[in-house]
Amino acid sequence: MLKRICGILSGIIVLALAVLAGLLIIPKLMGYEEMAVLTGSMEPKYPVGTLIFVKEVDPNTLEVGDVITYHLDSNTVVTHRIVEIDKEGQTVTTKGDANNANDGNPVPYSEIVGKEHFKIPYLGYVSMNIKTPKGILAVCVVLIAMILLTFLPEIFSPEEEEALKTKRRKRRK
């Protein structure tokens, strides 16, 4: 019985990890960049913790209403909606959905990382926290749980087998 329970729990954990890995790895293989939403400037459609998948596009194909990610400076990227396009000046004006005013400076085409193609709510929390001490601790706990679930039945199985043999002997008598 213990072996069956551990097998089911182990299978659930493996399945969950496989799905999570697929959600994080497959889009990267398809050329998407992952961006986690860190602030509420794009709420309610993009709540904090949403993982946005962005792909490079020709800036000339962008339209008002598209959600883009761009470099604000060398260390900061922002994901906001295009509210105005200046094709001649090769810039776009952006605004966060939850903000009352447009962003301060137009974004040059050269600073645009790409256009948002799809999103997965709350998966950004995993992406943001996996490299922190708490995230590393969580990974270690999952690995320890997997090891325990694998070896726990083996540790207790000799006793269970002996109990079953004793029970069978008593029935035969």
C-alpha atoms as a PDB file:
ATOM      1  CA  MET A   1       0.000   0.000   0.000  1.00  0.00           C
ATOM      2  CA  LEU A   2       2.789   2.405   0.930  1.00  0.00           C
ATOM      3  CA  LYS A   3       4.502   1.634  -2.349  1.00  0.00           C
ATOM      4  CA  ARG A   4       1.353   2.538  -4.288  1.00  0.00           C
ATOM      5  CA  ILE A   5       0.814   5.824  -2.406  1.00  0.00           C
ATOM      6  CA  CYS A   6       4.450   6.858  -2.847  1.00  0.00           C
ATOM      7  CA  GLY A   7       4.267   5.946  -6.525  1.00  0.00           C
ATOM      8  CA  ILE A   8       1.170   8.090  -7.049  1.00  0.00           C
ATOM      9  CA  LEU A   9       2.647  11.071  -5.180  1.00  0.00           C
ATOM     10  CA  SER A  10       5.921  10.710  -7.038  1.00  0.00           C
ATOM     11  CA  GLY A  11       4.048  10.572 -10.361  1.00  0.00           C
ATOM     12  CA  ILE A  12       2.095  13.740  -9.531  1.00  0.00           C
ATOM     13  CA  ILE A  13       5.293  15.615  -8.664  1.00  0.00           C
ATOM     14  CA  VAL A  14       7.049  14.425 -11.837  1.00  0.00           C
ATOM     15  CA  LEU A  15       4.037  15.414 -13.962  1.00  0.00           C
ATOM     16  CA  ALA A  16       3.848  18.864 -12.333  1.00  0.00           C
ATOM     17  CA  LEU A  17       7.577  19.417 -12.874  1.00  0.00           C
ATOM     18  CA  ALA A  18       7.344  18.269 -16.497  1.00  0.00           C
ATOM     19  CA  VAL A  19       4.453  20.658 -17.198  1.00  0.00           C
ATOM     20  CA  LEU A  20       6.293  23.525 -15.494  1.00  0.00           C
ATOM     21  CA  ALA A  21       9.498  22.782 -17.407  1.00  0.00           C
ATOM     22  CA  GLY A  22       7.556  22.588 -20.664  1.00  0.00           C
ATOM     23  CA  LEU A  23       5.886  25.942 -20.032  1.00  0.00           C
ATOM     24  CA  LEU A  24       9.244  27.567 -19.337  1.00  0.00           C
ATOM     25  CA  ILE A  25      11.466  25.816 -21.887  1.00  0.00           C
ATOM     26  CA  ILE A  26       9.377  25.192 -25.031  1.00  0.00           C
ATOM     27  CA  PRO A  27       8.623  28.894 -25.702  1.00  0.00           C
ATOM     28  CA  LYS A  28      12.342  29.697 -25.376  1.00  0.00           C
ATOM     29  CA  LEU A  29      13.111  27.046 -27.981  1.00  0.00           C
ATOM     30  CA  MET A  30      10.527  28.709 -30.238  1.00  0.00           C
ATOM     31  CA  GLY A  31      12.326  32.075 -29.997  1.00  0.00           C
ATOM     32  CA  TYR A  32      10.239  33.779 -27.307  1.00  0.00           C
ATOM     33  CA  GLU A  33      11.709  35.772 -24.454  1.00  0.00           C
ATOM     34  CA  GLU A  34      10.074  35.529 -21.052  1.00  0.00           C
ATOM     35  CA  MET A  35       9.248  38.659 -19.112  1.00  0.00           C
ATOM     36  CA  ALA A  36       7.691  38.592 -15.649  1.00  0.00           C
ATOM     37  CA  VAL A  37       5.338  41.440 -14.739  1.00  0.00           C
ATOM     38  CA  LEU A  38       6.768  43.118 -11.638  1.00  0.00           C
ATOM     39  CA  THR A  39       4.395  46.063 -11.174  1.00  0.00           C
ATOM     40  CA  GLY A  40       0.691  46.771 -11.467  1.00  0.00           C
ATOM     41  CA  SER A  41       0.987  49.224 -14.359  1.00  0.00           C
ATOM     42  CA  MET A  42      -0.693  46.798 -16.792  1.00  0.00           C
ATOM     43  CA  GLU A  43      -3.464  45.526 -14.510  1.00  0.00           C
ATOM     44  CA  PRO A  44      -6.052  44.079 -14.689  1.00  0.00           C
ATOM     45  CA  LYS A  45      -5.182  42.250 -17.932  1.00  0.00           C
ATOM     46  CA  TYR A  46      -1.580  41.616 -16.848  1.00  0.00           C
ATOM     47  CA  PRO A  47      -1.527  41.195 -13.050  1.00  0.00           C
ATOM     48  CA  VAL A  48       1.732  41.162 -11.127  1.00  0.00           C
ATOM     49  CA  GLY A  49       3.344  37.746 -11.535  1.00  0.00           C
ATOM     50  CA  THR A  50       2.127  37.170 -15.091  1.00  0.00           C
ATOM     51  CA  LEU A  51       4.730  35.673 -17.410  1.00  0.00           C
ATOM     52  CA  ILE A  52       4.643  37.391 -20.797  1.00  0.00           C
ATOM     53  CA  PHE A  53       6.163  35.771 -23.866  1.00  0.00           C
ATOM     54  CA  VAL A  54       7.651  38.320 -26.240  1.00  0.00           C
ATOM     55  CA  LYS A  55       8.972  37.781 -29.748  1.00  0.00           C
ATOM     56  CA  GLU A  56      11.039  40.169 -31.842  1.00  0.00           C
ATOM     57  CA  VAL A  57       9.068  41.895 -34.601  1.00  0.00           C
ATOM     58  CA  ASP A  58       9.713  44.492 -37.281  1.00  0.00           C
ATOM     59  CA  PRO A  59       8.761  47.788 -35.572  1.00  0.00           C
ATOM     60  CA  ASN A  60       7.120  48.953 -38.819  1.00  0.00           C
ATOM     61  CA  THR A  61       4.472  46.220 -38.370  1.00  0.00           C
ATOM     62  CA  LEU A  62       3.420  47.408 -34.909  1.00  0.00           C
ATOM     63  CA  GLU A  63       0.000  48.975 -34.415  1.00  0.00           C
ATOM     64  CA  VAL A  64      -1.667  51.141 -31.802  1.00  0.00           C
ATOM     65  CA  GLY A  65      -2.967  48.805 -29.101  1.00  0.00           C
ATOM     66  CA  ASP A  66      -0.106  46.289 -29.360  1.00  0.00           C
ATOM     67  CA  VAL A  67       1.664  45.415 -26.105  1.00  0.00           C
ATOM     68  CA  ILE A  68       5.431  45.700 -26.454  1.00  0.00           C
ATOM     69  CA  THR A  69       8.465  45.242 -24.281  1.00  0.00           C
ATOM     70  CA  TYR A  70      11.241  47.798 -24.578  1.00  0.00           C
ATOM     71  CA  HIS A  71      14.467  48.887 -22.904  1.00  0.00           C
ATOM     72  CA  LEU A  72      13.943  51.881 -20.647  1.00  0.00           C
ATOM     73  CA  ASP A  73      17.658  51.882 -19.816  1.00  0.00           C
ATOM     74  CA  SER A  74      20.445  49.299 -19.805  1.00  0.00           C
ATOM     75  CA  ASN A  75      19.056  47.530 -16.714  1.00  0.00           C
ATOM     76  CA  THR A  76      15.296  47.994 -17.071  1.00  0.00           C
ATOM     77  CA  VAL A  77      12.734  46.600 -19.478  1.00  0.00           C
ATOM     78  CA  VAL A  78       9.116  47.737 -19.528  1.00  0.00           C
ATOM     79  CA  THR A  79       6.016  46.137 -21.018  1.00  0.00           C
ATOM     80  CA  HIS A  80       3.348  48.703 -21.971  1.00  0.00           C
ATOM     81  CA  ARG A  81       0.722  49.275 -24.641  1.00  0.00           C
ATOM     82  CA  ILE A  82       1.349  51.418 -27.745  1.00  0.00           C
ATOM     83  CA  VAL A  83      -0.953  54.451 -27.803  1.00  0.00           C
ATOM     84  CA  GLU A  84       0.693  56.378 -30.644  1.00  0.00           C
ATOM     85  CA  ILE A  85       3.145  55.676 -33.475  1.00  0.00           C
ATOM     86  CA  ASP A  86       5.426  58.201 -35.153  1.00  0.00           C
ATOM     87  CA  LYS A  87       6.644  56.359 -38.264  1.00  0.00           C
ATOM     88  CA  GLU A  88       8.641  59.354 -39.453  1.00  0.00           C
ATOM     89  CA  GLY A  89      10.479  59.755 -36.136  1.00  0.00           C
ATOM     90  CA  GLN A  90      10.586  55.956 -35.711  1.00  0.00           C
ATOM     91  CA  THR A  91       9.223  56.090 -32.173  1.00  0.00           C
ATOM     92  CA  VAL A  92       6.182  54.830 -30.314  1.00  0.00           C
ATOM     93  CA  THR A  93       4.405  56.355 -27.336  1.00  0.00           C
ATOM     94  CA  THR A  94       3.389  53.853 -24.677  1.00  0.00           C
ATOM     95  CA  LYS A  95       1.184  53.764 -21.617  1.00  0.00           C
ATOM     96  CA  GLY A  96       0.521  51.255 -18.868  1.00  0.00           C
ATOM     97  CA  ASP A  97      -3.122  50.125 -18.885  1.00  0.00           C
ATOM     98  CA  ALA A  98      -3.522  51.111 -15.223  1.00  0.00           C
ATOM     99  CA  ASN A  99      -1.748  54.468 -15.633  1.00  0.00           C
ATOM    100  CA  ASN A 100      -3.597  57.743 -16.184  1.00  0.00           C
ATOM    101  CA  ALA A 101      -0.964  59.320 -18.441  1.00  0.00           C
ATOM    102  CA  ASN A 102       1.268  58.265 -21.302  1.00  0.00           C
ATOM    103  CA  ASP A 103       4.855  57.301 -20.500  1.00  0.00           C
ATOM    104  CA  GLY A 104       7.244  60.270 -20.372  1.00  0.00           C
ATOM    105  CA  ASN A 105       9.411  59.724 -23.425  1.00  0.00           C
ATOM    106  CA  PRO A 106       8.665  58.150 -26.812  1.00  0.00           C
ATOM    107  CA  VAL A 107      10.381  54.790 -27.335  1.00  0.00           C
ATOM    108  CA  PRO A 108      12.773  54.599 -30.303  1.00  0.00           C
ATOM    109  CA  TYR A 109      12.298  51.568 -32.542  1.00  0.00           C
ATOM    110  CA  SER A 110      15.839  50.478 -31.666  1.00  0.00           C
ATOM    111  CA  GLU A 111      14.870  49.978 -28.001  1.00  0.00           C
ATOM    112  CA  ILE A 112      11.921  47.669 -28.712  1.00  0.00           C
ATOM    113  CA  VAL A 113      12.607  44.091 -27.591  1.00  0.00           C
ATOM    114  CA  GLY A 114       9.464  42.654 -29.123  1.00  0.00           C
ATOM    115  CA  LYS A 115       5.702  42.258 -29.092  1.00  0.00           C
ATOM    116  CA  GLU A 116       3.736  40.234 -26.537  1.00  0.00           C
ATOM    117  CA  HIS A 117       2.289  37.106 -28.131  1.00  0.00           C
ATOM    118  CA  PHE A 118       0.819  35.265 -25.140  1.00  0.00           C
ATOM    119  CA  LYS A 119       0.874  35.224 -21.360  1.00  0.00           C
ATOM    120  CA  ILE A 120       0.470  32.822 -18.456  1.00  0.00           C
ATOM    121  CA  PRO A 121      -0.867  34.410 -15.262  1.00  0.00           C
ATOM    122  CA  TYR A 122       1.136  33.829 -12.059  1.00  0.00           C
ATOM    123  CA  LEU A 123       3.867  31.735 -13.712  1.00  0.00           C
ATOM    124  CA  GLY A 124       6.097  34.789 -13.466  1.00  0.00           C
ATOM    125  CA  TYR A 125       6.333  34.214  -9.713  1.00  0.00           C
ATOM    126  CA  VAL A 126       8.111  30.922 -10.403  1.00  0.00           C
ATOM    127  CA  SER A 127      10.390  32.565 -12.951  1.00  0.00           C
ATOM    128  CA  MET A 128      11.189  35.458 -10.584  1.00  0.00           C
ATOM    129  CA  ASN A 129      11.746  33.380  -7.445  1.00  0.00           C
ATOM    130  CA  ILE A 130      13.477  30.231  -8.682  1.00  0.00           C
ATOM    131  CA  LYS A 131      16.908  31.883  -8.402  1.00  0.00           C
ATOM    132  CA  THR A 132      16.365  33.336  -4.922  1.00  0.00           C
ATOM    133  CA  PRO A 133      17.401  31.551  -1.708  1.00  0.00           C
ATOM    134  CA  LYS A 134      13.752  30.640  -1.030  1.00  0.00           C
ATOM    135  CA  GLY A 135      13.371  29.304  -4.583  1.00  0.00           C
ATOM    136  CA  ILE A 136      16.505  27.198  -4.277  1.00  0.00           C
ATOM    137  CA  LEU A 137      15.221  25.894  -0.929  1.00  0.00           C
ATOM    138  CA  ALA A 138      11.893  24.970  -2.567  1.00  0.00           C
ATOM    139  CA  VAL A 139      13.716  23.053  -5.323  1.00  0.00           C
ATOM    140  CA  CYS A 140      15.773  21.217  -2.680  1.00  0.00           C
ATOM    141  CA  VAL A 141      12.612  20.314  -0.730  1.00  0.00           C
ATOM    142  CA  VAL A 142      11.007  18.904  -3.900  1.00  0.00           C
ATOM    143  CA  LEU A 143      14.139  16.884  -4.673  1.00  0.00           C
ATOM    144  CA  ILE A 144      14.280  15.518  -1.111  1.00  0.00           C
ATOM    145  CA  ALA A 145      10.585  14.622  -1.324  1.00  0.00           C
ATOM    146  CA  MET A 146      11.234  12.750  -4.590  1.00  0.00           C
ATOM    147  CA  ILE A 147      14.122  10.829  -3.013  1.00  0.00           C
ATOM    148  CA  LEU A 148      12.043   9.957   0.056  1.00  0.00           C
ATOM    149  CA  LEU A 149       9.092   8.855  -2.062  1.00  0.00           C
ATOM    150  CA  THR A 150      11.409   6.615  -4.059  1.00  0.00           C
ATOM    151  CA  PHE A 151      13.160   4.941  -1.119  1.00  0.00           C
ATOM    152  CA  LEU A 152      10.492   5.018   1.593  1.00  0.00           C
ATOM    153  CA  PRO A 153       8.673   1.926   0.304  1.00  0.00           C
ATOM    154  CA  GLU A 154      11.966   0.033   0.142  1.00  0.00           C
ATOM    155  CA  ILE A 155      12.806   0.946   3.726  1.00  0.00           C
ATOM    156  CA  PHE A 156       9.466  -0.245   5.077  1.00  0.00           C
ATOM    157  CA  SER A 157       8.720  -3.051   2.621  1.00  0.00           C
ATOM    158  CA  PRO A 158      10.666  -5.850   4.421  1.00  0.00           C
ATOM    159  CA  GLU A 159       8.500  -5.337   7.506  1.00  0.00           C
ATOM    160  CA  GLU A 160       5.327  -5.265   5.417  1.00  0.00           C
ATOM    161  CA  GLU A 161       6.334  -8.407   3.552  1.00  0.00           C
ATOM    162  CA  GLU A 162       7.089 -10.213   6.801  1.00  0.00           C
ATOM    163  CA  ALA A 163       3.713  -9.146   8.237  1.00  0.00           C
ATOM    164  CA  LEU A 164       1.943 -10.441   5.101  1.00  0.00           C
ATOM    165  CA  LYS A 165       3.793 -13.779   5.308  1.00  0.00           C
ATOM    166  CA  THR A 166       2.862 -14.153   8.968  1.00  0.00           C
ATOM    167  CA  LYS A 167      -0.771 -13.384   8.163  1.00  0.00           C
ATOM    168  CA  ARG A 168      -0.793 -15.968   5.374  1.00  0.00           C
ATOM    169  CA  ARG A 169       0.729 -18.621   7.655  1.00  0.00           C
ATOM    170  CA  LYS A 170      -1.941 -18.001  10.277  1.00  0.00           C
ATOM    171  CA  ARG A 171      -4.703 -18.374   7.669  1.00  0.00           C
ATOM    172  CA  ARG A 172      -3.301 -21.719   6.466  1.00  0.00           C
ATOM    173  CA  LYS A 173      -3.271 -23.230   9.956  1.00  0.00           C
END
